[in-house]
N, C-alpha and C. Protein backbone atom coordinates (compact mmCIF):
# COMPACT_ATOMS: atom_id res chain seq x y z
N MET A 1 216.29 41.30 -87.01
CA MET A 1 216.81 41.17 -85.48
C MET A 1 217.53 41.01 -84.41
N ARG A 2 217.06 41.75 -83.38
CA ARG A 2 217.40 41.49 -82.31
C ARG A 2 218.20 40.25 -81.61
N LYS A 3 218.70 39.57 -81.32
CA LYS A 3 219.31 38.42 -80.67
C LYS A 3 218.69 38.71 -78.90
N ASN A 4 218.36 37.04 -79.04
CA ASN A 4 218.23 37.02 -77.69
C ASN A 4 218.97 37.89 -76.48
N LYS A 5 218.63 37.62 -75.41
CA LYS A 5 219.72 38.83 -74.73
C LYS A 5 220.00 37.36 -74.09
N GLN A 6 221.51 37.43 -73.36
CA GLN A 6 222.06 36.14 -73.04
C GLN A 6 222.69 36.66 -71.79
N ILE A 7 222.61 36.19 -71.21
CA ILE A 7 223.20 36.16 -69.19
C ILE A 7 223.82 34.93 -69.03
N THR A 8 224.61 35.49 -67.80
CA THR A 8 225.79 34.60 -66.91
C THR A 8 225.37 33.85 -65.93
N ILE A 9 226.39 32.44 -65.96
CA ILE A 9 226.03 31.39 -65.24
C ILE A 9 225.70 32.10 -63.64
N GLY A 10 225.89 33.60 -62.98
CA GLY A 10 225.70 33.07 -61.30
C GLY A 10 224.55 34.36 -62.50
N GLN A 11 223.88 34.62 -63.49
CA GLN A 11 222.25 34.84 -63.55
C GLN A 11 221.34 34.06 -62.94
N VAL A 12 221.81 32.79 -64.43
CA VAL A 12 221.70 31.69 -64.20
C VAL A 12 220.62 30.78 -63.13
N ALA A 13 222.09 30.88 -61.88
CA ALA A 13 222.15 30.58 -61.25
C ALA A 13 221.24 31.11 -59.26
N GLU A 14 221.28 32.44 -60.02
CA GLU A 14 219.78 33.05 -59.13
C GLU A 14 219.14 32.91 -59.58
N ALA A 15 218.66 32.78 -60.27
CA ALA A 15 216.94 32.40 -60.87
C ALA A 15 216.17 31.13 -61.02
N CYS A 16 217.69 30.35 -61.15
CA CYS A 16 216.46 29.30 -61.06
C CYS A 16 217.00 28.62 -60.00
N GLY A 17 217.57 29.32 -58.94
CA GLY A 17 217.35 28.75 -56.72
C GLY A 17 219.13 27.69 -57.07
N VAL A 18 219.88 27.79 -57.69
CA VAL A 18 221.16 27.20 -57.94
C VAL A 18 222.67 27.98 -57.65
N SER A 19 222.96 27.14 -57.33
CA SER A 19 224.81 27.44 -57.05
C SER A 19 225.10 27.60 -58.56
N ILE A 20 226.62 28.28 -58.47
CA ILE A 20 227.04 28.15 -60.11
C ILE A 20 228.10 26.99 -60.55
N ASP A 21 228.37 26.13 -58.67
CA ASP A 21 229.43 24.46 -59.02
C ASP A 21 227.93 23.63 -59.42
N THR A 22 226.63 23.84 -58.86
CA THR A 22 226.09 23.00 -60.11
C THR A 22 225.62 23.44 -61.15
N LEU A 23 225.17 24.40 -62.07
CA LEU A 23 225.41 24.60 -63.04
C LEU A 23 226.02 24.20 -63.90
N ARG A 24 227.67 24.07 -62.71
CA ARG A 24 228.97 24.12 -63.97
C ARG A 24 229.14 22.04 -63.73
N TYR A 25 228.69 21.55 -62.67
CA TYR A 25 228.32 19.37 -63.13
C TYR A 25 227.47 19.51 -62.93
N TYR A 26 226.24 20.72 -64.11
CA TYR A 26 225.13 19.73 -65.47
C TYR A 26 226.10 19.89 -67.43
N GLU A 27 226.87 21.28 -66.57
CA GLU A 27 227.40 21.08 -68.43
C GLU A 27 228.39 20.07 -67.57
N ARG A 28 229.73 19.61 -66.99
CA ARG A 28 230.25 18.52 -67.13
C ARG A 28 229.35 16.87 -67.36
N CYS A 29 228.15 16.97 -66.80
CA CYS A 29 226.97 15.79 -67.26
C CYS A 29 226.15 15.88 -68.06
N LYS A 30 226.50 16.77 -69.78
CA LYS A 30 226.17 17.16 -70.48
C LYS A 30 224.22 17.20 -70.15
N LEU A 31 224.11 18.16 -68.98
CA LEU A 31 222.65 18.03 -69.46
C LEU A 31 222.42 20.17 -69.56
N LEU A 32 223.75 20.63 -70.01
CA LEU A 32 223.66 21.88 -69.73
C LEU A 32 225.07 22.28 -70.81
N GLN A 33 224.28 23.36 -71.67
CA GLN A 33 225.74 24.03 -72.53
C GLN A 33 225.11 25.15 -72.41
N PRO A 34 226.70 26.78 -72.39
CA PRO A 34 226.24 27.43 -72.66
C PRO A 34 225.76 28.23 -73.83
N ASP A 35 225.13 29.14 -74.34
CA ASP A 35 225.09 29.18 -75.65
C ASP A 35 226.08 29.46 -76.06
N SER A 36 227.05 30.62 -75.38
CA SER A 36 227.88 31.20 -76.09
C SER A 36 228.66 31.34 -74.95
N ARG A 37 229.99 32.50 -76.07
CA ARG A 37 230.97 32.51 -74.48
C ARG A 37 231.59 34.59 -74.44
N SER A 38 231.40 35.29 -74.22
CA SER A 38 231.51 36.90 -74.35
C SER A 38 233.11 36.30 -74.56
N LYS A 39 233.34 38.07 -74.89
CA LYS A 39 235.11 38.63 -75.57
C LYS A 39 235.47 37.71 -73.84
N ALA A 40 235.25 38.01 -72.85
CA ALA A 40 236.05 37.75 -71.68
C ALA A 40 235.60 35.87 -71.36
N SER A 41 235.54 35.15 -72.00
CA SER A 41 235.00 34.10 -71.72
C SER A 41 234.23 33.77 -71.67
N TYR A 42 233.58 34.35 -70.53
CA TYR A 42 232.88 34.13 -69.79
C TYR A 42 231.36 33.59 -70.40
N ARG A 43 230.93 31.94 -69.78
CA ARG A 43 229.83 31.08 -69.95
C ARG A 43 228.75 32.77 -69.70
N LEU A 44 227.37 32.24 -71.43
CA LEU A 44 226.54 33.07 -71.96
C LEU A 44 225.92 32.17 -71.94
N TYR A 45 224.43 31.81 -70.81
CA TYR A 45 223.51 31.50 -71.39
C TYR A 45 221.72 32.32 -71.97
N GLY A 46 221.06 31.70 -72.24
CA GLY A 46 219.77 32.42 -73.15
C GLY A 46 219.11 31.31 -72.29
N PRO A 47 217.59 32.19 -72.13
CA PRO A 47 216.02 32.23 -71.59
C PRO A 47 215.66 30.74 -71.27
N GLU A 48 216.26 29.71 -72.38
CA GLU A 48 215.91 28.68 -72.66
C GLU A 48 216.63 27.50 -71.57
N SER A 49 217.67 28.31 -71.95
CA SER A 49 218.92 27.37 -70.79
C SER A 49 217.59 27.57 -68.88
N ILE A 50 217.56 29.32 -68.57
CA ILE A 50 216.24 28.62 -67.52
C ILE A 50 215.32 28.00 -67.35
N ARG A 51 214.84 27.47 -68.19
CA ARG A 51 213.71 26.75 -68.22
C ARG A 51 214.46 25.20 -68.41
N ARG A 52 215.51 24.97 -69.10
CA ARG A 52 216.22 23.68 -68.99
C ARG A 52 216.27 22.80 -67.53
N VAL A 53 216.97 24.53 -66.90
CA VAL A 53 217.72 23.86 -65.46
C VAL A 53 216.28 24.07 -64.55
N ASP A 54 215.31 24.08 -64.50
CA ASP A 54 214.12 24.29 -64.26
C ASP A 54 213.27 23.26 -64.34
N PHE A 55 213.54 22.29 -65.73
CA PHE A 55 213.19 21.05 -66.50
C PHE A 55 214.21 19.92 -65.11
N ILE A 56 215.50 20.44 -65.19
CA ILE A 56 216.63 19.52 -64.18
C ILE A 56 216.02 19.39 -63.13
N LYS A 57 215.34 20.04 -62.40
CA LYS A 57 215.08 19.93 -61.27
C LYS A 57 213.84 19.22 -61.17
N ARG A 58 213.28 20.04 -61.66
CA ARG A 58 211.73 18.94 -60.73
C ARG A 58 211.80 17.52 -61.58
N SER A 59 212.40 17.44 -62.29
CA SER A 59 212.71 16.10 -62.87
C SER A 59 213.18 15.32 -62.04
N LYS A 60 213.92 16.24 -61.24
CA LYS A 60 214.74 15.80 -60.19
C LYS A 60 213.65 15.50 -58.75
N GLU A 61 213.05 16.24 -58.76
CA GLU A 61 212.22 16.25 -57.01
C GLU A 61 211.63 14.50 -57.32
N LEU A 62 211.28 14.37 -58.50
CA LEU A 62 210.42 13.42 -58.74
C LEU A 62 211.50 11.97 -58.04
N GLY A 63 212.52 12.00 -58.71
CA GLY A 63 213.06 10.88 -58.39
C GLY A 63 214.03 9.97 -59.06
N PHE A 64 213.88 11.20 -60.48
CA PHE A 64 214.94 10.34 -62.07
C PHE A 64 216.51 11.25 -60.89
N THR A 65 216.84 10.24 -62.77
CA THR A 65 218.30 10.34 -61.56
C THR A 65 219.46 11.43 -62.95
N LEU A 66 219.94 12.12 -63.13
CA LEU A 66 220.97 12.66 -64.47
C LEU A 66 220.95 11.85 -65.44
N ASP A 67 221.22 10.44 -65.11
CA ASP A 67 221.13 9.91 -66.65
C ASP A 67 219.83 9.75 -67.01
N GLU A 68 219.03 9.87 -66.35
CA GLU A 68 217.68 9.35 -66.63
C GLU A 68 216.87 10.61 -67.18
N ILE A 69 217.24 11.81 -66.32
CA ILE A 69 216.88 13.77 -67.33
C ILE A 69 217.98 13.79 -68.15
N ARG A 70 218.92 12.66 -68.04
CA ARG A 70 219.83 13.55 -69.99
C ARG A 70 218.92 12.68 -70.87
N LYS A 71 218.21 11.26 -70.52
CA LYS A 71 217.05 10.93 -71.33
C LYS A 71 216.27 11.25 -71.29
N LEU A 72 215.58 12.14 -70.39
CA LEU A 72 214.67 12.35 -70.55
C LEU A 72 214.23 14.25 -71.60
N LEU A 73 215.57 14.29 -71.72
CA LEU A 73 216.13 15.24 -72.45
C LEU A 73 215.89 15.35 -73.75
N THR A 74 216.74 13.72 -74.20
CA THR A 74 216.82 13.93 -75.21
C THR A 74 215.47 12.91 -75.36
N LEU A 75 214.57 13.07 -75.14
CA LEU A 75 212.97 12.39 -75.85
C LEU A 75 212.16 13.43 -75.96
N LYS A 76 212.47 15.14 -75.61
CA LYS A 76 211.97 16.04 -75.28
C LYS A 76 212.30 16.49 -76.54
N SER A 77 213.21 16.41 -76.83
CA SER A 77 213.51 16.99 -78.73
C SER A 77 213.57 16.54 -79.71
N SER A 78 213.19 14.90 -79.06
CA SER A 78 212.26 13.89 -80.92
C SER A 78 212.03 14.70 -81.30
N LYS A 79 211.93 14.80 -82.17
CA LYS A 79 210.27 14.38 -83.45
C LYS A 79 209.61 13.54 -83.15
N ASP A 80 210.22 12.39 -83.39
CA ASP A 80 209.75 11.09 -83.01
C ASP A 80 209.27 10.41 -81.94
N ALA A 81 209.33 10.82 -80.67
CA ALA A 81 208.81 10.02 -79.75
C ALA A 81 207.67 11.07 -79.49
N THR A 82 206.99 9.53 -78.65
CA THR A 82 205.41 10.13 -78.04
C THR A 82 205.65 10.16 -76.85
N CYS A 83 203.98 9.87 -76.63
CA CYS A 83 203.39 10.54 -74.78
C CYS A 83 203.72 8.97 -74.27
N ALA A 84 203.59 7.89 -75.51
CA ALA A 84 203.46 6.13 -74.62
C ALA A 84 204.97 6.21 -73.70
N GLU A 85 206.31 6.43 -75.00
CA GLU A 85 207.18 7.02 -73.83
C GLU A 85 207.70 7.03 -72.69
N MET A 86 206.92 9.11 -72.67
CA MET A 86 206.54 9.20 -71.47
C MET A 86 206.18 8.89 -70.71
N LEU A 87 205.06 8.03 -70.70
CA LEU A 87 204.07 7.49 -69.66
C LEU A 87 205.09 5.99 -69.14
N GLU A 88 205.52 4.91 -70.29
CA GLU A 88 206.07 4.26 -69.61
C GLU A 88 207.28 4.49 -68.86
N ARG A 89 208.11 5.35 -69.00
CA ARG A 89 209.60 6.21 -68.05
C ARG A 89 208.92 6.73 -66.56
N THR A 90 207.45 6.98 -66.62
CA THR A 90 206.77 7.32 -65.60
C THR A 90 206.10 6.68 -65.13
N HIS A 91 205.74 5.57 -65.74
CA HIS A 91 205.27 4.27 -64.48
C HIS A 91 206.84 3.24 -64.05
N ARG A 92 207.48 3.18 -64.65
CA ARG A 92 208.67 3.00 -64.26
C ARG A 92 209.46 3.59 -63.14
N LYS A 93 209.42 5.42 -63.07
CA LYS A 93 209.93 5.14 -61.98
C LYS A 93 208.61 4.87 -60.30
N ILE A 94 207.06 5.11 -61.26
CA ILE A 94 206.26 4.81 -59.60
C ILE A 94 206.30 3.25 -59.19
N THR A 95 206.84 1.64 -60.00
CA THR A 95 207.54 0.69 -59.82
C THR A 95 208.46 1.27 -58.43
N GLU A 96 209.74 2.02 -59.06
CA GLU A 96 211.19 2.35 -58.02
C GLU A 96 209.95 3.11 -57.09
N ALA A 97 209.40 4.47 -57.10
CA ALA A 97 209.41 4.38 -55.77
C ALA A 97 208.39 4.40 -55.22
N LYS A 98 207.65 2.65 -55.52
CA LYS A 98 206.70 1.70 -54.76
C LYS A 98 207.39 0.31 -53.84
N HIS A 99 208.78 0.87 -54.92
CA HIS A 99 209.60 -0.51 -53.95
C HIS A 99 210.28 0.65 -52.44
N GLN A 100 210.92 1.47 -52.81
CA GLN A 100 211.56 2.76 -52.26
C GLN A 100 210.27 3.21 -51.31
N VAL A 101 209.49 3.06 -51.55
CA VAL A 101 208.39 3.29 -50.30
C VAL A 101 208.07 2.17 -48.92
N LYS A 102 208.34 0.83 -49.86
CA LYS A 102 208.65 -0.52 -48.85
C LYS A 102 209.84 -0.30 -48.45
N GLU A 103 210.70 -0.15 -48.69
CA GLU A 103 211.92 -0.30 -48.35
C GLU A 103 212.61 0.34 -46.78
N LEU A 104 211.72 1.65 -47.14
CA LEU A 104 211.54 2.41 -46.14
C LEU A 104 211.74 2.03 -44.85
N GLY A 105 209.89 1.26 -44.99
CA GLY A 105 209.26 0.84 -44.31
C GLY A 105 209.35 -0.27 -43.36
N ARG A 106 209.93 -1.10 -44.61
CA ARG A 106 211.27 -1.89 -43.61
C ARG A 106 211.87 -1.25 -43.11
N ILE A 107 213.38 -0.17 -42.80
CA ILE A 107 214.19 0.55 -42.12
C ILE A 107 213.67 1.06 -40.77
N GLU A 108 212.36 2.06 -41.18
CA GLU A 108 211.21 1.71 -40.35
C GLU A 108 210.74 1.67 -39.14
N LYS A 109 210.98 0.14 -39.84
CA LYS A 109 210.08 -0.68 -38.20
C LYS A 109 211.37 -1.80 -38.07
N ALA A 110 212.62 -1.69 -38.46
CA ALA A 110 214.32 -2.29 -37.60
C ALA A 110 214.58 -0.89 -36.89
N LEU A 111 214.30 -0.26 -37.59
CA LEU A 111 215.05 1.10 -36.33
C LEU A 111 214.22 0.89 -35.30
N THR A 112 212.60 1.22 -35.64
CA THR A 112 211.60 1.48 -34.61
C THR A 112 212.38 0.15 -33.15
N HIS A 113 212.25 -1.73 -33.43
CA HIS A 113 212.26 -2.73 -33.21
C HIS A 113 214.06 -1.29 -32.41
N LEU A 114 214.98 -1.49 -32.47
CA LEU A 114 216.22 -1.31 -32.24
C LEU A 114 216.13 -0.53 -31.06
N SER A 115 215.74 1.17 -31.37
CA SER A 115 215.11 2.08 -30.39
C SER A 115 214.64 1.62 -29.07
N LYS A 116 213.43 0.49 -29.17
CA LYS A 116 212.76 0.32 -27.51
C LYS A 116 213.19 -0.61 -27.25
N ALA A 117 214.38 -0.76 -27.43
CA ALA A 117 215.34 -2.26 -27.23
C ALA A 117 217.02 -1.24 -26.57
N CYS A 118 216.54 -0.11 -26.71
CA CYS A 118 218.26 0.49 -25.99
C CYS A 118 217.29 1.23 -24.76
N PRO A 119 217.98 0.99 -23.95
CA PRO A 119 217.52 2.12 -22.39
C PRO A 119 217.47 3.37 -22.68
N GLY A 120 218.00 3.76 -22.32
CA GLY A 120 219.00 5.37 -23.84
C GLY A 120 219.03 5.74 -22.15
N ASN A 121 219.31 5.38 -21.03
CA ASN A 121 219.88 6.22 -20.21
C ASN A 121 221.69 5.46 -19.69
N ASP A 122 222.22 6.01 -18.37
CA ASP A 122 223.39 6.16 -18.83
C ASP A 122 223.89 4.81 -18.13
N THR A 123 223.59 3.78 -18.55
CA THR A 123 223.80 2.68 -19.33
C THR A 123 224.63 3.13 -20.50
N PRO A 124 226.37 2.60 -20.47
CA PRO A 124 227.85 2.25 -21.25
C PRO A 124 227.39 2.25 -22.87
N ILE A 125 227.81 3.25 -23.59
CA ILE A 125 228.01 2.71 -24.69
C ILE A 125 227.89 1.65 -25.04
N SER A 126 228.75 1.05 -24.73
CA SER A 126 229.31 -0.36 -25.45
C SER A 126 228.35 -1.61 -25.19
N GLN A 127 227.67 -1.06 -24.09
CA GLN A 127 225.80 -2.42 -23.77
C GLN A 127 225.24 -1.23 -24.55
N CYS A 128 225.00 -0.26 -25.06
CA CYS A 128 223.62 0.11 -26.18
C CYS A 128 223.65 -1.41 -27.09
N PRO A 129 221.86 -1.87 -27.69
CA PRO A 129 222.15 -2.93 -28.12
C PRO A 129 221.80 -2.35 -29.56
N ILE A 130 221.83 -1.42 -29.89
CA ILE A 130 221.59 -0.43 -31.59
C ILE A 130 222.88 -0.73 -32.12
N LEU A 131 224.27 -0.02 -31.11
CA LEU A 131 225.35 -0.20 -31.77
C LEU A 131 226.01 -1.66 -31.62
N GLU A 132 224.77 -2.56 -30.86
CA GLU A 132 225.71 -3.35 -30.85
C GLU A 132 226.08 -4.73 -31.94
N TYR A 133 224.16 -4.54 -32.39
CA TYR A 133 223.28 -4.69 -34.18
C TYR A 133 224.41 -4.47 -34.90
N LEU A 134 224.40 -2.75 -35.32
CA LEU A 134 225.62 -2.66 -36.11
C LEU A 134 227.09 -2.88 -36.10
N TYR A 135 227.11 -3.18 -34.74
CA TYR A 135 228.86 -3.68 -34.56
C TYR A 135 228.68 -4.63 -34.19
N PRO A 136 228.31 -6.13 -34.47
CA PRO A 136 228.56 -7.54 -33.74
C PRO A 136 229.39 -8.02 -33.31
N ALA A 137 229.15 -8.50 -31.77
CA ALA A 137 230.82 -8.69 -31.43
C ALA A 137 231.31 -10.14 -32.20
N HIS A 138 229.84 -10.34 -32.76
CA HIS A 138 230.62 -12.12 -33.04
C HIS A 138 232.30 -11.94 -33.85
N GLN A 139 232.52 -12.73 -34.21
CA GLN A 139 233.97 -12.71 -35.41
C GLN A 139 233.85 -13.81 -36.14
N LEU A 140 233.63 -13.21 -37.80
CA LEU A 140 233.66 -14.29 -38.19
C LEU A 140 235.03 -15.42 -38.97
N SER A 141 234.26 -16.52 -38.78
CA SER A 141 235.73 -17.46 -39.67
C SER A 141 236.02 -17.82 -41.31
N ILE A 142 237.48 -17.56 -40.71
CA ILE A 142 238.53 -17.53 -41.75
C ILE A 142 238.74 -18.56 -42.14
N LYS A 143 238.82 -18.82 -43.68
CA LYS A 143 238.89 -20.51 -43.35
C LYS A 143 240.27 -20.40 -43.79
N GLU A 144 241.06 -20.83 -44.43
CA GLU A 144 242.58 -21.52 -44.49
C GLU A 144 242.34 -21.17 -45.96
N HIS A 145 243.00 -20.11 -46.83
CA HIS A 145 243.67 -21.11 -48.27
C HIS A 145 244.82 -21.09 -48.09
N ARG A 146 244.44 -21.83 -49.56
CA ARG A 146 245.74 -22.98 -50.00
C ARG A 146 246.37 -22.90 -51.31
N PRO A 147 247.60 -22.69 -51.52
CA PRO A 147 248.06 -22.20 -52.81
C PRO A 147 247.74 -23.33 -53.75
């Protein structure tokens, strides 16, 4: 029986639309490992590696961190894992996304308020209300520390 065709890291990168450096980073993070090495010590991957990198990419697009993706990959390969476990992780990610949307709304409101306060003309930058907010002129009082 013929062994599956092995491909190089460059071929995996091209097939997945990522850089070779990204694949090496995934290796360092223990998300991807070469199946073998060539006689010249080049990394060689099987077709499953392309599916795995695509899984990582799609998971990242949904907001999963690399650590969470590592756990998802462990869950995927577990014989005892259930859909309920995956659903729980998905619900946690939904809650996190809702919090991020709320936080982004707060940021948008603050930036909109600051942009309305800025005259946007030839006023010197030192008088820009946006910079004044970000870099206030007040000084912090420093308490004297005694030994």
